[in-house]
């Protein structure tokens, strides 16, 4: 079996992700209201907003880690339904990196990276390991391939998590606050890895409070509050001329914190 490509095409007008009037409840609490979002292939989106604004819920709906009650989602032209076949098809297109790494503690770095390609993509061990070595080298952590997660720093574990997601050859990468669990001195190594990935043309949606990263990488910055998209703009406009009062308040608070 030929290995999957790991670099997405440059930005085009082709919608890679489309969310139409998506709504999500947790019991009586409405977590998402009328979410409309279109992300082109190769586009880099940063989602920001206060805690509880729906950012993580939004990206978790894209690969059906969270079910949504109303609306429609399409990824790479695949309409996401409740049936396992479309969910699996979408998840093969989407890589996800979580706040807390989610590595298997009983597996080595190499085993973490090769498990899913061998089981899901039916790759041979030789092929899966060759891809893993290439991607671990790409995130500058190949020398740790035979170690277990507990032997690595937080920043190293997160770079392994990124390499593991890339081993599946995704067309889209979702990042859910990938640096928030890290010590400050480890944040840069993870952000540098993400910047390099963005520069190679990967379609990305990143939930983060790292506004320097947003300025450097994002094609659009989206501000959410109370489960709604309040404002979206290119970073040069978003940071210099935000139009909504809630956006201005949020930026004032977060930039003061930095």
Protein backbone atom coordinates (compact mmCIF):
# COMPACT_ATOMS: atom_id res chain seq x y z
CA UNK A 1 0.00 0.00 0.00
CA UNK A 2 1.37 3.40 -0.87
CA UNK A 3 1.84 5.79 2.02
CA UNK A 4 -0.49 8.73 2.46
CA UNK A 5 0.70 12.22 1.60
CA UNK A 6 1.22 14.37 4.68
CA UNK A 7 1.23 17.81 3.12
CA UNK A 8 -2.03 19.38 2.07
CA UNK A 9 -2.35 21.50 -1.03
CA UNK A 10 -1.82 25.24 -0.97
CA UNK A 11 -4.81 27.40 -0.12
CA UNK A 12 -7.55 27.20 -2.74
CA UNK A 13 -11.21 28.19 -2.86
CA UNK A 14 -12.18 24.54 -2.37
CA UNK A 15 -14.03 24.20 0.95
CA UNK A 16 -12.32 21.52 2.99
CA UNK A 17 -14.69 21.98 5.95
CA UNK A 18 -18.23 23.33 5.82
CA UNK A 19 -20.40 23.82 8.90
CA UNK A 20 -23.97 24.97 8.29
CA UNK A 21 -26.25 26.15 11.12
CA UNK A 22 -24.66 23.69 13.58
CA UNK A 23 -26.19 23.58 17.05
CA UNK A 24 -25.14 21.54 20.07
CA UNK A 25 -26.70 21.04 23.50
CA UNK A 26 -25.50 19.47 26.72
CA UNK A 27 -28.81 18.73 28.39
CA UNK A 28 -30.46 22.12 28.81
CA UNK A 29 -27.27 24.05 28.05
CA UNK A 30 -26.83 25.24 24.47
CA UNK A 31 -23.12 24.98 23.68
CA UNK A 32 -23.22 26.00 19.99
CA UNK A 33 -25.73 28.27 18.28
CA UNK A 34 -26.06 28.62 14.51
CA UNK A 35 -22.41 27.92 13.64
CA UNK A 36 -21.66 28.69 9.98
CA UNK A 37 -18.05 28.19 8.96
CA UNK A 38 -16.30 27.38 5.70
CA UNK A 39 -12.59 26.53 5.70
CA UNK A 40 -10.71 26.32 2.41
CA UNK A 41 -8.05 23.73 1.68
CA UNK A 42 -4.74 25.02 3.03
CA UNK A 43 -6.37 27.68 5.21
CA UNK A 44 -5.20 28.27 8.78
CA UNK A 45 -7.90 29.26 11.29
CA UNK A 46 -7.32 30.27 14.91
CA UNK A 47 -10.29 30.06 17.27
CA UNK A 48 -10.13 32.16 20.40
CA UNK A 49 -12.50 33.30 23.10
CA UNK A 50 -13.18 33.00 26.83
CA UNK A 51 -13.42 29.66 28.59
CA UNK A 52 -16.76 27.99 27.90
CA UNK A 53 -17.35 29.85 24.64
CA UNK A 54 -17.70 26.67 22.58
CA UNK A 55 -14.32 26.60 20.82
CA UNK A 56 -13.35 23.06 21.76
CA UNK A 57 -16.90 21.81 21.23
CA UNK A 58 -16.86 23.25 17.71
CA UNK A 59 -13.72 21.43 16.62
CA UNK A 60 -14.76 18.22 18.36
CA UNK A 61 -17.97 18.24 16.32
CA UNK A 62 -15.93 18.27 13.09
CA UNK A 63 -14.70 14.70 13.64
CA UNK A 64 -17.77 13.63 15.65
CA UNK A 65 -16.01 13.38 18.99
CA UNK A 66 -19.10 15.35 19.97
CA UNK A 67 -22.45 14.68 18.30
CA UNK A 68 -24.41 17.76 17.24
CA UNK A 69 -28.19 18.11 17.24
CA UNK A 70 -28.88 20.42 14.29
CA UNK A 71 -27.21 21.56 11.09
CA UNK A 72 -24.77 19.88 8.73
CA UNK A 73 -21.00 19.30 8.55
CA UNK A 74 -19.00 18.26 5.50
CA UNK A 75 -15.29 17.43 5.54
CA UNK A 76 -13.47 16.88 2.25
CA UNK A 77 -16.84 16.57 0.55
CA UNK A 78 -18.02 13.86 2.98
CA UNK A 79 -21.29 14.63 4.76
CA UNK A 80 -20.87 13.74 8.42
CA UNK A 81 -23.73 11.57 9.65
CA UNK A 82 -24.43 9.46 12.71
CA UNK A 83 -23.50 6.22 10.96
CA UNK A 84 -20.10 4.71 11.66
CA UNK A 85 -19.08 4.56 8.00
CA UNK A 86 -19.21 8.33 7.41
CA UNK A 87 -17.72 9.04 10.86
CA UNK A 88 -14.80 6.73 10.10
CA UNK A 89 -14.38 8.26 6.62
CA UNK A 90 -14.21 11.78 8.07
CA UNK A 91 -11.83 10.74 10.87
CA UNK A 92 -9.43 9.34 8.27
CA UNK A 93 -9.23 12.87 6.82
CA UNK A 94 -8.85 14.66 10.16
CA UNK A 95 -5.95 14.55 12.62
CA UNK A 96 -6.44 15.89 16.14
CA UNK A 97 -4.01 17.01 18.82
CA UNK A 98 -5.37 17.39 22.33
CA UNK A 99 -4.42 19.53 25.30
CA UNK A 100 -3.16 16.56 27.33
CA UNK A 101 -1.30 14.61 24.60
CA UNK A 102 -3.42 11.41 24.91
CA UNK A 103 -0.45 9.17 24.12
CA UNK A 104 -0.66 5.50 25.10
CA UNK A 105 1.63 5.30 28.17
CA UNK A 106 2.42 1.59 27.73
CA UNK A 107 3.64 2.04 24.14
CA UNK A 108 6.91 3.53 22.93
CA UNK A 109 6.92 6.67 20.81
CA UNK A 110 7.36 4.52 17.69
CA UNK A 111 4.54 2.18 18.71
CA UNK A 112 2.25 5.15 19.41
CA UNK A 113 2.89 6.40 15.86
CA UNK A 114 2.50 3.08 14.05
CA UNK A 115 -0.50 1.54 15.82
CA UNK A 116 -3.28 3.32 13.92
CA UNK A 117 -1.67 3.20 10.43
CA UNK A 118 -1.17 -0.57 10.82
CA UNK A 119 -4.65 -1.25 12.19
CA UNK A 120 -6.75 1.30 10.31
CA UNK A 121 -4.83 1.85 7.07
CA UNK A 122 -3.56 -1.76 6.94
CA UNK A 123 0.01 -0.61 6.44
CA UNK A 124 2.83 -3.09 6.95
CA UNK A 125 5.03 -2.57 10.00
CA UNK A 126 7.93 -1.64 7.72
CA UNK A 127 5.89 1.00 5.90
CA UNK A 128 4.35 2.39 9.09
CA UNK A 129 7.73 2.64 10.80
CA UNK A 130 9.31 4.35 7.78
CA UNK A 131 6.54 6.97 7.80
CA UNK A 132 6.83 7.38 11.58
CA UNK A 133 10.60 7.89 11.40
CA UNK A 134 10.20 10.53 8.71
CA UNK A 135 7.55 12.41 10.69
CA UNK A 136 9.31 12.11 14.04
CA UNK A 137 12.35 13.58 12.33
CA UNK A 138 10.15 16.34 10.92
CA UNK A 139 9.06 17.35 14.42
CA UNK A 140 12.66 16.99 15.65
CA UNK A 141 12.16 14.11 18.03
CA UNK A 142 13.33 11.02 16.14
CA UNK A 143 16.02 10.29 18.73
CA UNK A 144 13.25 9.58 21.29
CA UNK A 145 11.54 6.90 19.16
CA UNK A 146 12.25 4.01 21.55
CA UNK A 147 11.30 5.84 24.75
CA UNK A 148 7.97 5.77 26.56
CA UNK A 149 5.85 8.93 27.02
CA UNK A 150 6.66 9.17 30.74
CA UNK A 151 10.34 9.53 29.83
CA UNK A 152 9.65 12.67 27.76
CA UNK A 153 8.96 16.30 28.64
CA UNK A 154 5.52 17.74 27.99
CA UNK A 155 6.74 19.55 24.92
CA UNK A 156 8.29 16.38 23.55
CA UNK A 157 5.09 14.43 24.20
CA UNK A 158 3.04 17.02 22.35
CA UNK A 159 5.39 16.87 19.35
CA UNK A 160 4.99 13.08 19.36
CA UNK A 161 1.21 13.60 19.41
CA UNK A 162 1.51 15.83 16.33
CA UNK A 163 3.69 13.26 14.53
CA UNK A 164 1.25 10.49 15.46
CA UNK A 165 -1.66 12.43 13.95
CA UNK A 166 0.34 13.12 10.78
CA UNK A 167 1.12 9.42 10.37
CA UNK A 168 -2.49 8.91 9.28
CA UNK A 169 -2.01 11.28 6.34
CA UNK A 170 -4.78 13.74 7.31
CA UNK A 171 -6.01 16.54 5.08
CA UNK A 172 -6.99 18.61 8.12
CA UNK A 173 -5.34 19.08 11.51
CA UNK A 174 -7.34 20.18 14.56
CA UNK A 175 -5.50 21.50 17.62
CA UNK A 176 -7.36 21.86 20.92
CA UNK A 177 -5.30 24.23 23.09
CA UNK A 178 -2.13 22.25 22.34
CA UNK A 179 0.15 24.36 24.55
CA UNK A 180 -2.08 25.08 27.55
CA UNK A 181 -0.81 22.09 29.58
CA UNK A 182 2.85 22.90 28.94
CA UNK A 183 5.38 24.73 31.04
CA UNK A 184 6.19 28.11 29.46
CA UNK A 185 9.67 27.07 28.30
CA UNK A 186 8.16 24.15 26.34
CA UNK A 187 5.53 26.18 24.48
CA UNK A 188 7.88 27.50 21.82
CA UNK A 189 9.03 24.07 20.61
CA UNK A 190 5.43 23.00 20.01
CA UNK A 191 4.44 26.29 18.36
CA UNK A 192 7.51 26.10 16.10
CA UNK A 193 6.38 22.65 14.98
CA UNK A 194 2.90 23.97 14.23
CA UNK A 195 4.28 26.99 12.35
CA UNK A 196 6.36 24.66 10.15
CA UNK A 197 3.29 22.53 9.48
CA UNK A 198 1.29 25.61 8.53
CA UNK A 199 4.02 26.79 6.18
CA UNK A 200 3.85 23.45 4.38
CA UNK A 201 0.21 24.10 3.52
CA UNK A 202 -1.72 21.94 5.99
CA UNK A 203 -5.35 22.93 6.57
CA UNK A 204 -5.50 23.76 10.28
CA UNK A 205 -7.99 24.86 12.91
CA UNK A 206 -6.37 25.72 16.20
CA UNK A 207 -8.01 26.62 19.49
CA UNK A 208 -5.42 28.67 21.33
CA UNK A 209 -4.73 31.75 23.44
CA UNK A 210 -1.30 32.13 21.84
CA UNK A 211 -1.95 35.41 20.05
CA UNK A 212 1.59 35.64 18.69
CA UNK A 213 0.97 32.35 16.89
CA UNK A 214 -2.34 33.69 15.58
CA UNK A 215 -0.66 36.82 14.20
CA UNK A 216 2.08 34.78 12.53
CA UNK A 217 0.13 31.86 11.09
CA UNK A 218 -3.60 32.49 10.84
CA UNK A 219 -5.39 33.40 7.63
CA UNK A 220 -8.41 34.19 9.79
CA UNK A 221 -8.89 34.65 13.52
CA UNK A 222 -12.35 33.76 14.83
CA UNK A 223 -13.62 35.01 18.18
CA UNK A 224 -16.32 32.99 19.92
CA UNK A 225 -18.47 33.82 22.94
CA UNK A 226 -21.51 32.06 24.42
CA UNK A 227 -21.46 29.38 21.73
CA UNK A 228 -21.55 31.79 18.80
CA UNK A 229 -19.08 33.14 16.27
CA UNK A 230 -18.98 36.81 17.22
CA UNK A 231 -16.28 38.09 14.88
CA UNK A 232 -13.84 36.83 12.26
CA UNK A 233 -11.17 38.69 10.32
CA UNK A 234 -7.60 38.41 9.02
CA UNK A 235 -5.16 38.89 11.92
CA UNK A 236 -4.00 42.33 10.79
CA UNK A 237 -7.61 43.58 11.09
CA UNK A 238 -8.67 41.40 14.02
CA UNK A 239 -5.94 42.72 16.31
CA UNK A 240 -5.85 46.33 15.16
CA UNK A 241 -9.52 47.09 14.46
CA UNK A 242 -11.85 44.60 16.18
CA UNK A 243 -15.44 45.64 15.56
CA UNK A 244 -17.33 43.96 18.40
CA UNK A 245 -17.16 45.16 21.98
CA UNK A 246 -16.78 41.61 23.32
CA UNK A 247 -13.80 41.05 21.04
CA UNK A 248 -12.20 44.28 22.25
CA UNK A 249 -12.71 43.27 25.89
CA UNK A 250 -11.25 39.81 25.31
CA UNK A 251 -8.20 41.11 23.47
CA UNK A 252 -7.63 43.72 26.16
CA UNK A 253 -7.66 41.05 28.85
CA UNK A 254 -5.54 38.47 27.07
CA UNK A 255 -2.94 40.93 25.76
CA UNK A 256 -2.60 42.44 29.26
CA UNK A 257 -1.95 38.89 30.50
CA UNK A 258 0.98 38.61 28.10
